[in-house]
Amino acid sequence: MNQNKKSMLLLAVVFILPVVLAKFALDYDWFNRGATNKGELLDPVLDFTAAYPQQADNTHWRLVYVVPASCDEACHNALFSINQVWLALGRETDRVKALAVVTEASDLPADMAEKYRNVESLSVNLQTVEKMFNPVGTDGIFIVDTLQNVILRYPLQAEQQQAVMHSREILSDVKKLLKLSRIG
């Protein structure tokens, strides 16, 4: 093979090989596709407007936890997490509300008002909650945007140390959302 043919072959390999490798990487999911959120992105989003039938609060983001019929350690950790995330937002706290959604079946902790001072409780009918969260279930911490769409979900943590580490992930996502949002 003469020098000209070798040069042309080498040039073709240098330009074609990266394209072929990129095609395989996309087809076989060899990398994370640039998602930076730590929570599970809900697709399709859930509609949270049934929780606010009289008022439309389009100025606040919300950290939401639905209090179950039996408030166990994971429940306390979830309330602790949304309280801590709200506190960690600092000067951005006026843009976010921490909400504990309470139904007639919920086992609201007796010490909630003093332990989780920044978490507001919102009374909602059990059937309404079940209808809203039907596709994904209520076991998790949720982020609700200013248009009342439930957009992200985070799993509950049974151990407090895990809940603290998990709170950092929630805080990271909330800060990103607030930075990108001009509303709320």
N, C-alpha and C. Protein backbone atom coordinates (compact mmCIF):
# COMPACT_ATOMS: atom_id res chain seq x y z
N MET A 1 0.85 -1.18 0.00
CA MET A 1 0.00 0.00 0.00
C MET A 1 0.89 1.24 0.00
N ASN A 2 0.58 2.17 -0.84
CA ASN A 2 1.44 3.35 -0.89
C ASN A 2 1.06 4.33 0.23
N GLN A 3 1.86 5.33 0.40
CA GLN A 3 1.71 6.33 1.48
C GLN A 3 0.41 7.10 1.37
N ASN A 4 -0.04 7.40 0.16
CA ASN A 4 -1.28 8.15 -0.06
C ASN A 4 -2.49 7.39 0.45
N LYS A 5 -2.57 6.10 0.14
CA LYS A 5 -3.70 5.29 0.57
C LYS A 5 -3.71 5.14 2.09
N LYS A 6 -2.55 4.98 2.69
CA LYS A 6 -2.46 4.87 4.16
C LYS A 6 -2.94 6.16 4.82
N SER A 7 -2.57 7.28 4.29
CA SER A 7 -3.00 8.57 4.84
C SER A 7 -4.51 8.74 4.75
N MET A 8 -5.07 8.36 3.60
CA MET A 8 -6.52 8.48 3.41
C MET A 8 -7.28 7.54 4.35
N LEU A 9 -6.77 6.33 4.53
CA LEU A 9 -7.39 5.37 5.43
C LEU A 9 -7.32 5.87 6.88
N LEU A 10 -6.20 6.37 7.28
CA LEU A 10 -6.03 6.90 8.63
C LEU A 10 -6.95 8.11 8.87
N LEU A 11 -7.06 8.96 7.89
CA LEU A 11 -7.94 10.12 7.97
C LEU A 11 -9.41 9.69 8.11
N ALA A 12 -9.80 8.71 7.34
CA ALA A 12 -11.17 8.18 7.41
C ALA A 12 -11.45 7.59 8.78
N VAL A 13 -10.51 6.82 9.33
CA VAL A 13 -10.68 6.20 10.65
C VAL A 13 -10.79 7.29 11.73
N VAL A 14 -9.97 8.31 11.65
CA VAL A 14 -9.98 9.38 12.65
C VAL A 14 -11.32 10.11 12.66
N PHE A 15 -11.96 10.28 11.53
CA PHE A 15 -13.23 11.00 11.48
C PHE A 15 -14.46 10.09 11.63
N ILE A 16 -14.38 8.88 11.18
CA ILE A 16 -15.54 7.98 11.20
C ILE A 16 -15.66 7.24 12.54
N LEU A 17 -14.56 6.84 13.13
CA LEU A 17 -14.59 6.08 14.38
C LEU A 17 -15.32 6.81 15.51
N PRO A 18 -15.07 8.10 15.76
CA PRO A 18 -15.83 8.78 16.82
C PRO A 18 -17.33 8.82 16.57
N VAL A 19 -17.73 8.96 15.32
CA VAL A 19 -19.16 8.98 14.98
C VAL A 19 -19.78 7.61 15.28
N VAL A 20 -19.10 6.55 14.90
CA VAL A 20 -19.60 5.20 15.15
C VAL A 20 -19.68 4.93 16.65
N LEU A 21 -18.65 5.31 17.39
CA LEU A 21 -18.66 5.12 18.85
C LEU A 21 -19.77 5.93 19.51
N ALA A 22 -19.99 7.14 19.05
CA ALA A 22 -21.07 7.96 19.61
C ALA A 22 -22.43 7.32 19.34
N LYS A 23 -22.61 6.76 18.17
CA LYS A 23 -23.87 6.09 17.84
C LYS A 23 -24.11 4.90 18.77
N PHE A 24 -23.09 4.09 19.01
CA PHE A 24 -23.22 2.97 19.93
C PHE A 24 -23.48 3.45 21.36
N ALA A 25 -22.82 4.50 21.76
CA ALA A 25 -23.02 5.03 23.12
C ALA A 25 -24.46 5.49 23.32
N LEU A 26 -25.04 6.13 22.32
CA LEU A 26 -26.43 6.56 22.42
C LEU A 26 -27.40 5.38 22.40
N ASP A 27 -27.15 4.42 21.50
CA ASP A 27 -28.05 3.28 21.35
C ASP A 27 -28.05 2.36 22.56
N TYR A 28 -26.92 2.21 23.22
CA TYR A 28 -26.80 1.26 24.32
C TYR A 28 -26.67 1.92 25.69
N ASP A 29 -27.01 3.21 25.78
CA ASP A 29 -27.01 3.94 27.07
C ASP A 29 -25.72 3.73 27.86
N TRP A 30 -24.60 4.02 27.25
CA TRP A 30 -23.32 3.86 27.92
C TRP A 30 -23.01 5.01 28.87
N PHE A 31 -23.85 6.02 28.89
CA PHE A 31 -23.58 7.17 29.74
C PHE A 31 -24.88 7.76 30.23
N ASN A 32 -24.78 8.61 31.24
CA ASN A 32 -25.94 9.33 31.76
C ASN A 32 -26.25 10.45 30.79
N ARG A 33 -27.46 10.57 30.36
CA ARG A 33 -27.82 11.53 29.31
C ARG A 33 -27.90 12.97 29.78
N GLY A 34 -27.09 13.34 30.72
CA GLY A 34 -27.03 14.73 31.13
C GLY A 34 -28.04 15.12 32.19
N ALA A 35 -28.75 14.17 32.75
CA ALA A 35 -29.70 14.48 33.81
C ALA A 35 -28.94 14.84 35.07
N THR A 36 -29.29 15.97 35.63
CA THR A 36 -28.59 16.38 36.85
C THR A 36 -29.48 16.34 38.06
N ASN A 37 -30.76 16.04 37.89
CA ASN A 37 -31.63 15.96 39.04
C ASN A 37 -31.37 14.66 39.79
N LYS A 38 -31.51 14.73 41.11
CA LYS A 38 -31.26 13.57 41.96
C LYS A 38 -32.54 12.77 42.21
N GLY A 39 -33.68 13.43 42.10
CA GLY A 39 -34.95 12.77 42.33
C GLY A 39 -35.47 12.10 41.08
N GLU A 40 -36.54 11.34 41.25
CA GLU A 40 -37.17 10.67 40.12
C GLU A 40 -38.10 11.67 39.43
N LEU A 41 -37.84 11.93 38.18
CA LEU A 41 -38.66 12.85 37.39
C LEU A 41 -39.96 12.15 37.03
N LEU A 42 -41.07 12.74 37.39
CA LEU A 42 -42.37 12.13 37.11
C LEU A 42 -42.82 12.49 35.70
N ASP A 43 -43.11 11.48 34.93
CA ASP A 43 -43.57 11.69 33.57
C ASP A 43 -44.72 10.75 33.29
N PRO A 44 -45.92 11.19 33.20
CA PRO A 44 -46.34 12.59 33.21
C PRO A 44 -46.39 13.13 34.63
N VAL A 45 -46.37 14.45 34.73
CA VAL A 45 -46.45 15.09 36.04
C VAL A 45 -47.84 14.88 36.63
N LEU A 46 -47.93 14.98 37.95
CA LEU A 46 -49.21 14.84 38.63
C LEU A 46 -49.79 16.21 38.90
N ASP A 47 -51.10 16.30 38.92
CA ASP A 47 -51.79 17.57 39.15
C ASP A 47 -52.11 17.72 40.63
N PHE A 48 -51.58 18.77 41.25
CA PHE A 48 -51.76 19.01 42.68
C PHE A 48 -52.86 20.03 42.97
N THR A 49 -53.57 20.50 41.95
CA THR A 49 -54.57 21.55 42.14
C THR A 49 -55.74 21.11 43.01
N ALA A 50 -56.02 19.81 43.07
CA ALA A 50 -57.14 19.33 43.90
C ALA A 50 -56.88 19.60 45.38
N ALA A 51 -55.63 19.75 45.76
CA ALA A 51 -55.31 20.06 47.16
C ALA A 51 -55.62 21.52 47.48
N TYR A 52 -55.72 22.36 46.46
CA TYR A 52 -56.01 23.78 46.62
C TYR A 52 -57.25 24.16 45.82
N PRO A 53 -58.43 23.66 46.19
CA PRO A 53 -59.61 23.96 45.37
C PRO A 53 -60.03 25.43 45.41
N GLN A 54 -59.82 26.13 46.53
CA GLN A 54 -60.29 27.51 46.64
C GLN A 54 -59.23 28.51 46.16
N GLN A 55 -57.99 28.21 46.37
CA GLN A 55 -56.95 29.19 46.07
C GLN A 55 -55.93 28.62 45.11
N ALA A 56 -55.37 29.47 44.33
CA ALA A 56 -54.30 29.07 43.42
C ALA A 56 -53.03 29.79 43.87
N ASP A 57 -52.15 29.05 44.52
CA ASP A 57 -50.90 29.62 45.01
C ASP A 57 -49.83 29.41 43.95
N ASN A 58 -49.68 30.37 43.07
CA ASN A 58 -48.71 30.25 41.98
C ASN A 58 -47.41 30.98 42.28
N THR A 59 -47.15 31.22 43.55
CA THR A 59 -45.93 31.95 43.89
C THR A 59 -44.95 31.11 44.68
N HIS A 60 -45.33 29.92 45.09
CA HIS A 60 -44.45 29.09 45.91
C HIS A 60 -44.19 27.73 45.29
N TRP A 61 -42.96 27.28 45.44
CA TRP A 61 -42.63 25.89 45.20
C TRP A 61 -43.00 25.17 46.48
N ARG A 62 -43.22 23.87 46.44
CA ARG A 62 -43.59 23.13 47.64
C ARG A 62 -42.81 21.84 47.76
N LEU A 63 -42.39 21.58 49.00
CA LEU A 63 -41.86 20.27 49.37
C LEU A 63 -43.02 19.57 50.06
N VAL A 64 -43.48 18.47 49.51
CA VAL A 64 -44.71 17.84 49.99
C VAL A 64 -44.44 16.43 50.48
N TYR A 65 -45.03 16.14 51.64
CA TYR A 65 -45.01 14.77 52.15
C TYR A 65 -46.41 14.43 52.62
N VAL A 66 -46.93 13.28 52.17
CA VAL A 66 -48.26 12.83 52.58
C VAL A 66 -48.08 11.94 53.81
N VAL A 67 -48.63 12.39 54.94
CA VAL A 67 -48.48 11.66 56.20
C VAL A 67 -49.35 10.40 56.13
N PRO A 68 -48.73 9.22 56.36
CA PRO A 68 -49.48 7.96 56.24
C PRO A 68 -50.34 7.67 57.48
N ALA A 69 -51.05 6.55 57.43
CA ALA A 69 -51.92 6.15 58.54
C ALA A 69 -51.10 5.78 59.78
N SER A 70 -49.87 5.37 59.59
CA SER A 70 -48.99 5.04 60.71
C SER A 70 -47.66 5.76 60.50
N CYS A 71 -47.40 6.76 61.34
CA CYS A 71 -46.18 7.56 61.17
C CYS A 71 -45.01 6.84 61.85
N ASP A 72 -44.27 6.08 61.06
CA ASP A 72 -43.12 5.33 61.57
C ASP A 72 -41.84 6.16 61.45
N GLU A 73 -40.71 5.51 61.53
CA GLU A 73 -39.41 6.21 61.47
C GLU A 73 -39.21 6.89 60.11
N ALA A 74 -39.62 6.25 59.04
CA ALA A 74 -39.48 6.85 57.71
C ALA A 74 -40.32 8.12 57.60
N CYS A 75 -41.48 8.12 58.24
CA CYS A 75 -42.36 9.29 58.25
C CYS A 75 -41.68 10.45 58.99
N HIS A 76 -41.14 10.17 60.17
CA HIS A 76 -40.44 11.20 60.93
C HIS A 76 -39.23 11.72 60.17
N ASN A 77 -38.52 10.82 59.50
CA ASN A 77 -37.36 11.24 58.71
C ASN A 77 -37.77 12.12 57.54
N ALA A 78 -38.92 11.83 56.92
CA ALA A 78 -39.40 12.65 55.81
C ALA A 78 -39.77 14.05 56.31
N LEU A 79 -40.46 14.12 57.43
CA LEU A 79 -40.82 15.43 58.00
C LEU A 79 -39.56 16.20 58.40
N PHE A 80 -38.60 15.48 58.98
CA PHE A 80 -37.32 16.09 59.34
C PHE A 80 -36.62 16.63 58.10
N SER A 81 -36.62 15.83 57.03
CA SER A 81 -35.93 16.22 55.79
C SER A 81 -36.53 17.47 55.17
N ILE A 82 -37.86 17.52 55.03
CA ILE A 82 -38.43 18.70 54.39
C ILE A 82 -38.26 19.94 55.27
N ASN A 83 -38.26 19.75 56.59
CA ASN A 83 -38.00 20.86 57.50
C ASN A 83 -36.57 21.37 57.32
N GLN A 84 -35.62 20.45 57.27
CA GLN A 84 -34.21 20.82 57.14
C GLN A 84 -33.90 21.44 55.78
N VAL A 85 -34.49 20.90 54.74
CA VAL A 85 -34.28 21.47 53.39
C VAL A 85 -34.81 22.89 53.36
N TRP A 86 -35.99 23.10 53.93
CA TRP A 86 -36.56 24.45 53.95
C TRP A 86 -35.63 25.40 54.71
N LEU A 87 -35.12 24.97 55.86
CA LEU A 87 -34.19 25.82 56.62
C LEU A 87 -32.91 26.10 55.85
N ALA A 88 -32.40 25.09 55.16
CA ALA A 88 -31.14 25.24 54.43
C ALA A 88 -31.25 26.16 53.23
N LEU A 89 -32.46 26.46 52.81
CA LEU A 89 -32.62 27.37 51.66
C LEU A 89 -32.26 28.81 52.01
N GLY A 90 -32.18 29.12 53.29
CA GLY A 90 -31.76 30.45 53.71
C GLY A 90 -32.66 31.54 53.20
N ARG A 91 -32.10 32.48 52.45
CA ARG A 91 -32.88 33.63 51.99
C ARG A 91 -33.91 33.26 50.93
N GLU A 92 -33.87 32.04 50.43
CA GLU A 92 -34.84 31.58 49.43
C GLU A 92 -36.07 30.94 50.07
N THR A 93 -36.13 30.91 51.41
CA THR A 93 -37.25 30.25 52.08
C THR A 93 -38.59 30.89 51.78
N ASP A 94 -38.60 32.16 51.41
CA ASP A 94 -39.87 32.81 51.09
C ASP A 94 -40.45 32.33 49.76
N ARG A 95 -39.69 31.57 48.98
CA ARG A 95 -40.15 31.04 47.70
C ARG A 95 -40.64 29.61 47.78
N VAL A 96 -40.46 28.97 48.95
CA VAL A 96 -40.77 27.55 49.09
C VAL A 96 -41.59 27.33 50.35
N LYS A 97 -42.53 26.40 50.28
CA LYS A 97 -43.29 25.97 51.45
C LYS A 97 -43.02 24.49 51.68
N ALA A 98 -42.88 24.12 52.94
CA ALA A 98 -42.79 22.72 53.32
C ALA A 98 -44.16 22.31 53.81
N LEU A 99 -44.77 21.32 53.16
CA LEU A 99 -46.15 20.93 53.47
C LEU A 99 -46.24 19.46 53.85
N ALA A 100 -46.96 19.20 54.93
CA ALA A 100 -47.33 17.84 55.29
C ALA A 100 -48.81 17.71 54.95
N VAL A 101 -49.12 16.89 53.97
CA VAL A 101 -50.51 16.67 53.58
C VAL A 101 -51.09 15.65 54.54
N VAL A 102 -52.17 16.07 55.20
CA VAL A 102 -52.79 15.25 56.23
C VAL A 102 -54.20 14.89 55.79
N THR A 103 -54.52 13.61 55.87
CA THR A 103 -55.87 13.14 55.57
C THR A 103 -56.52 12.70 56.88
N GLU A 104 -57.80 12.31 56.78
CA GLU A 104 -58.49 11.84 57.99
C GLU A 104 -57.88 10.54 58.51
N ALA A 105 -57.13 9.81 57.68
CA ALA A 105 -56.50 8.56 58.09
C ALA A 105 -55.07 8.76 58.58
N SER A 106 -54.52 9.97 58.44
CA SER A 106 -53.12 10.22 58.79
C SER A 106 -52.88 10.17 60.29
N ASP A 107 -51.70 9.68 60.63
CA ASP A 107 -51.25 9.63 62.02
C ASP A 107 -50.23 10.76 62.20
N LEU A 108 -50.74 11.96 62.41
CA LEU A 108 -49.87 13.13 62.55
C LEU A 108 -49.15 13.07 63.90
N PRO A 109 -47.81 13.19 63.89
CA PRO A 109 -47.08 13.14 65.16
C PRO A 109 -47.56 14.25 66.10
N ALA A 110 -47.71 13.91 67.37
CA ALA A 110 -48.19 14.88 68.36
C ALA A 110 -47.22 16.04 68.53
N ASP A 111 -45.94 15.77 68.37
CA ASP A 111 -44.93 16.80 68.57
C ASP A 111 -44.54 17.51 67.28
N MET A 112 -45.34 17.37 66.23
CA MET A 112 -44.99 17.95 64.93
C MET A 112 -44.83 19.47 65.00
N ALA A 113 -45.73 20.14 65.69
CA ALA A 113 -45.68 21.61 65.74
C ALA A 113 -44.40 22.12 66.37
N GLU A 114 -43.88 21.41 67.35
CA GLU A 114 -42.64 21.89 67.99
C GLU A 114 -41.38 21.33 67.34
N LYS A 115 -41.43 20.10 66.83
CA LYS A 115 -40.24 19.50 66.21
C LYS A 115 -40.01 20.00 64.79
N TYR A 116 -41.08 20.18 64.05
CA TYR A 116 -40.98 20.56 62.64
C TYR A 116 -41.73 21.88 62.45
N ARG A 117 -41.20 22.93 63.01
CA ARG A 117 -41.88 24.24 63.06
C ARG A 117 -42.15 24.85 61.69
N ASN A 118 -41.34 24.52 60.74
CA ASN A 118 -41.46 25.15 59.42
C ASN A 118 -42.32 24.35 58.45
N VAL A 119 -42.84 23.24 58.91
CA VAL A 119 -43.67 22.39 58.06
C VAL A 119 -45.13 22.72 58.35
N GLU A 120 -45.81 23.21 57.33
CA GLU A 120 -47.23 23.51 57.46
C GLU A 120 -48.02 22.24 57.18
N SER A 121 -49.16 22.11 57.85
CA SER A 121 -50.01 20.95 57.55
C SER A 121 -51.17 21.42 56.68
N LEU A 122 -51.53 20.59 55.73
CA LEU A 122 -52.60 20.87 54.80
C LEU A 122 -53.57 19.70 54.84
N SER A 123 -54.79 19.95 55.27
CA SER A 123 -55.80 18.89 55.36
C SER A 123 -56.45 18.69 54.00
N VAL A 124 -56.41 17.45 53.54
CA VAL A 124 -56.98 17.10 52.24
C VAL A 124 -57.74 15.78 52.42
N ASN A 125 -58.83 15.66 51.72
CA ASN A 125 -59.64 14.45 51.75
C ASN A 125 -58.81 13.26 51.26
N LEU A 126 -58.97 12.10 51.90
CA LEU A 126 -58.21 10.90 51.55
C LEU A 126 -58.44 10.48 50.10
N GLN A 127 -59.67 10.53 49.63
CA GLN A 127 -59.96 10.15 48.25
C GLN A 127 -59.28 11.08 47.26
N THR A 128 -59.21 12.36 47.60
CA THR A 128 -58.53 13.32 46.74
C THR A 128 -57.04 13.01 46.65
N VAL A 129 -56.43 12.69 47.79
CA VAL A 129 -55.01 12.35 47.81
C VAL A 129 -54.76 11.08 47.01
N GLU A 130 -55.60 10.07 47.21
CA GLU A 130 -55.42 8.82 46.47
C GLU A 130 -55.57 9.04 44.96
N LYS A 131 -56.50 9.90 44.58
CA LYS A 131 -56.71 10.19 43.16
C LYS A 131 -55.52 10.95 42.57
N MET A 132 -55.01 11.94 43.33
CA MET A 132 -53.88 12.75 42.85
C MET A 132 -52.62 11.90 42.66
N PHE A 133 -52.32 11.05 43.64
CA PHE A 133 -51.07 10.30 43.64
C PHE A 133 -51.24 8.86 43.15
N ASN A 134 -52.37 8.55 42.53
CA ASN A 134 -52.67 7.19 42.09
C ASN A 134 -51.56 6.56 41.24
N PRO A 135 -51.03 7.24 40.24
CA PRO A 135 -50.03 6.58 39.38
C PRO A 135 -48.73 6.20 40.09
N VAL A 136 -48.31 6.97 41.11
CA VAL A 136 -47.01 6.72 41.73
C VAL A 136 -47.07 6.33 43.20
N GLY A 137 -48.18 6.56 43.86
CA GLY A 137 -48.27 6.28 45.29
C GLY A 137 -47.80 7.47 46.11
N THR A 138 -48.13 7.44 47.39
CA THR A 138 -47.82 8.58 48.25
C THR A 138 -46.55 8.39 49.07
N ASP A 139 -45.87 7.27 48.91
CA ASP A 139 -44.68 7.02 49.71
C ASP A 139 -43.46 7.71 49.10
N GLY A 140 -43.25 8.93 49.51
CA GLY A 140 -42.12 9.69 49.03
C GLY A 140 -42.24 11.16 49.39
N ILE A 141 -41.19 11.88 49.13
CA ILE A 141 -41.19 13.33 49.26
C ILE A 141 -41.29 13.87 47.85
N PHE A 142 -42.15 14.85 47.65
CA PHE A 142 -42.42 15.36 46.32
C PHE A 142 -42.09 16.85 46.22
N ILE A 143 -41.69 17.28 45.03
CA ILE A 143 -41.53 18.69 44.75
C ILE A 143 -42.65 19.09 43.81
N VAL A 144 -43.37 20.15 44.20
CA VAL A 144 -44.47 20.68 43.41
C VAL A 144 -44.07 22.06 42.92
N ASP A 145 -44.21 22.31 41.64
CA ASP A 145 -43.81 23.60 41.08
C ASP A 145 -44.89 24.66 41.30
N THR A 146 -44.64 25.85 40.81
CA THR A 146 -45.56 26.97 41.01
C THR A 146 -46.86 26.82 40.22
N LEU A 147 -46.87 25.95 39.24
CA LEU A 147 -48.08 25.69 38.46
C LEU A 147 -48.86 24.50 39.01
N GLN A 148 -48.49 24.06 40.19
CA GLN A 148 -49.12 22.96 40.92
C GLN A 148 -48.97 21.62 40.21
N ASN A 149 -47.82 21.42 39.61
CA ASN A 149 -47.47 20.13 39.02
C ASN A 149 -46.50 19.42 39.94
N VAL A 150 -46.78 18.18 40.26
CA VAL A 150 -45.84 17.37 41.05
C VAL A 150 -44.82 16.85 40.05
N ILE A 151 -43.56 17.31 40.19
CA ILE A 151 -42.58 17.03 39.15
C ILE A 151 -41.48 16.05 39.55
N LEU A 152 -41.11 16.04 40.84
CA LEU A 152 -40.03 15.16 41.29
C LEU A 152 -40.47 14.36 42.51
N ARG A 153 -39.92 13.17 42.65
CA ARG A 153 -40.23 12.29 43.78
C ARG A 153 -38.92 11.74 44.33
N TYR A 154 -38.85 11.67 45.66
CA TYR A 154 -37.68 11.13 46.34
C TYR A 154 -38.13 10.00 47.26
N PRO A 155 -37.42 8.89 47.29
CA PRO A 155 -37.83 7.78 48.15
C PRO A 155 -37.64 8.12 49.63
N LEU A 156 -38.40 7.44 50.47
CA LEU A 156 -38.29 7.64 51.91
C LEU A 156 -37.08 6.87 52.44
N GLN A 157 -36.53 7.36 53.53
CA GLN A 157 -35.36 6.73 54.15
C GLN A 157 -35.72 6.25 55.55
N ALA A 158 -35.36 5.01 55.87
CA ALA A 158 -35.70 4.43 57.17
C ALA A 158 -34.73 4.88 58.27
N GLU A 159 -33.50 5.19 57.92
CA GLU A 159 -32.50 5.60 58.91
C GLU A 159 -32.26 7.10 58.80
N GLN A 160 -32.06 7.74 59.96
CA GLN A 160 -31.92 9.19 59.98
C GLN A 160 -30.66 9.65 59.25
N GLN A 161 -29.57 8.92 59.36
CA GLN A 161 -28.34 9.31 58.67
C GLN A 161 -28.54 9.31 57.16
N GLN A 162 -29.25 8.31 56.66
CA GLN A 162 -29.56 8.27 55.23
C GLN A 162 -30.48 9.42 54.85
N ALA A 163 -31.41 9.74 55.73
CA ALA A 163 -32.35 10.85 55.46
C ALA A 163 -31.60 12.17 55.37
N VAL A 164 -30.60 12.35 56.22
CA VAL A 164 -29.80 13.58 56.18
C VAL A 164 -29.04 13.67 54.86
N MET A 165 -28.43 12.57 54.44
CA MET A 165 -27.70 12.56 53.17
C MET A 165 -28.66 12.78 51.99
N HIS A 166 -29.82 12.20 52.11
CA HIS A 166 -30.82 12.33 51.05
C HIS A 166 -31.35 13.76 50.99
N SER A 167 -31.42 14.44 52.13
CA SER A 167 -31.87 15.83 52.17
C SER A 167 -30.96 16.72 51.35
N ARG A 168 -29.70 16.40 51.31
CA ARG A 168 -28.76 17.17 50.50
C ARG A 168 -29.11 17.08 49.01
N GLU A 169 -29.54 15.90 48.59
CA GLU A 169 -29.94 15.74 47.19
C GLU A 169 -31.19 16.56 46.89
N ILE A 170 -32.16 16.54 47.81
CA ILE A 170 -33.38 17.32 47.62
C ILE A 170 -33.03 18.80 47.57
N LEU A 171 -32.18 19.24 48.49
CA LEU A 171 -31.76 20.64 48.54
C LEU A 171 -31.08 21.05 47.24
N SER A 172 -30.24 20.19 46.72
CA SER A 172 -29.55 20.48 45.46
C SER A 172 -30.54 20.70 44.33
N ASP A 173 -31.54 19.82 44.23
CA ASP A 173 -32.54 19.96 43.17
C ASP A 173 -33.39 21.21 43.35
N VAL A 174 -33.79 21.49 44.58
CA VAL A 174 -34.62 22.68 44.84
C VAL A 174 -33.84 23.94 44.49
N LYS A 175 -32.58 24.00 44.87
CA LYS A 175 -31.77 25.18 44.55
C LYS A 175 -31.65 25.38 43.04
N LYS A 176 -31.46 24.29 42.31
CA LYS A 176 -31.38 24.37 40.84
C LYS A 176 -32.70 24.90 40.27
N LEU A 177 -33.80 24.35 40.76
CA LEU A 177 -35.10 24.78 40.26
C LEU A 177 -35.36 26.25 40.56
N LEU A 178 -35.01 26.68 41.76
CA LEU A 178 -35.20 28.10 42.12
C LEU A 178 -34.31 29.00 41.29
N LYS A 179 -33.11 28.54 41.02
CA LYS A 179 -32.19 29.34 40.22
C LYS A 179 -32.71 29.51 38.78
N LEU A 180 -33.31 28.45 38.24
CA LEU A 180 -33.82 28.50 36.87
C LEU A 180 -35.18 29.14 36.76
N SER A 181 -35.90 29.22 37.86
CA SER A 181 -37.27 29.73 37.84
C SER A 181 -37.30 31.23 38.10
N ARG A 182 -38.13 31.91 37.36
CA ARG A 182 -38.33 33.33 37.60
C ARG A 182 -39.58 33.54 38.43
N ILE A 183 -40.37 32.49 38.58
CA ILE A 183 -41.62 32.56 39.35
C ILE A 183 -41.39 31.91 40.70
N GLY A 184 -41.90 32.50 41.72
CA GLY A 184 -41.86 31.90 43.04
C GLY A 184 -40.53 31.95 43.69
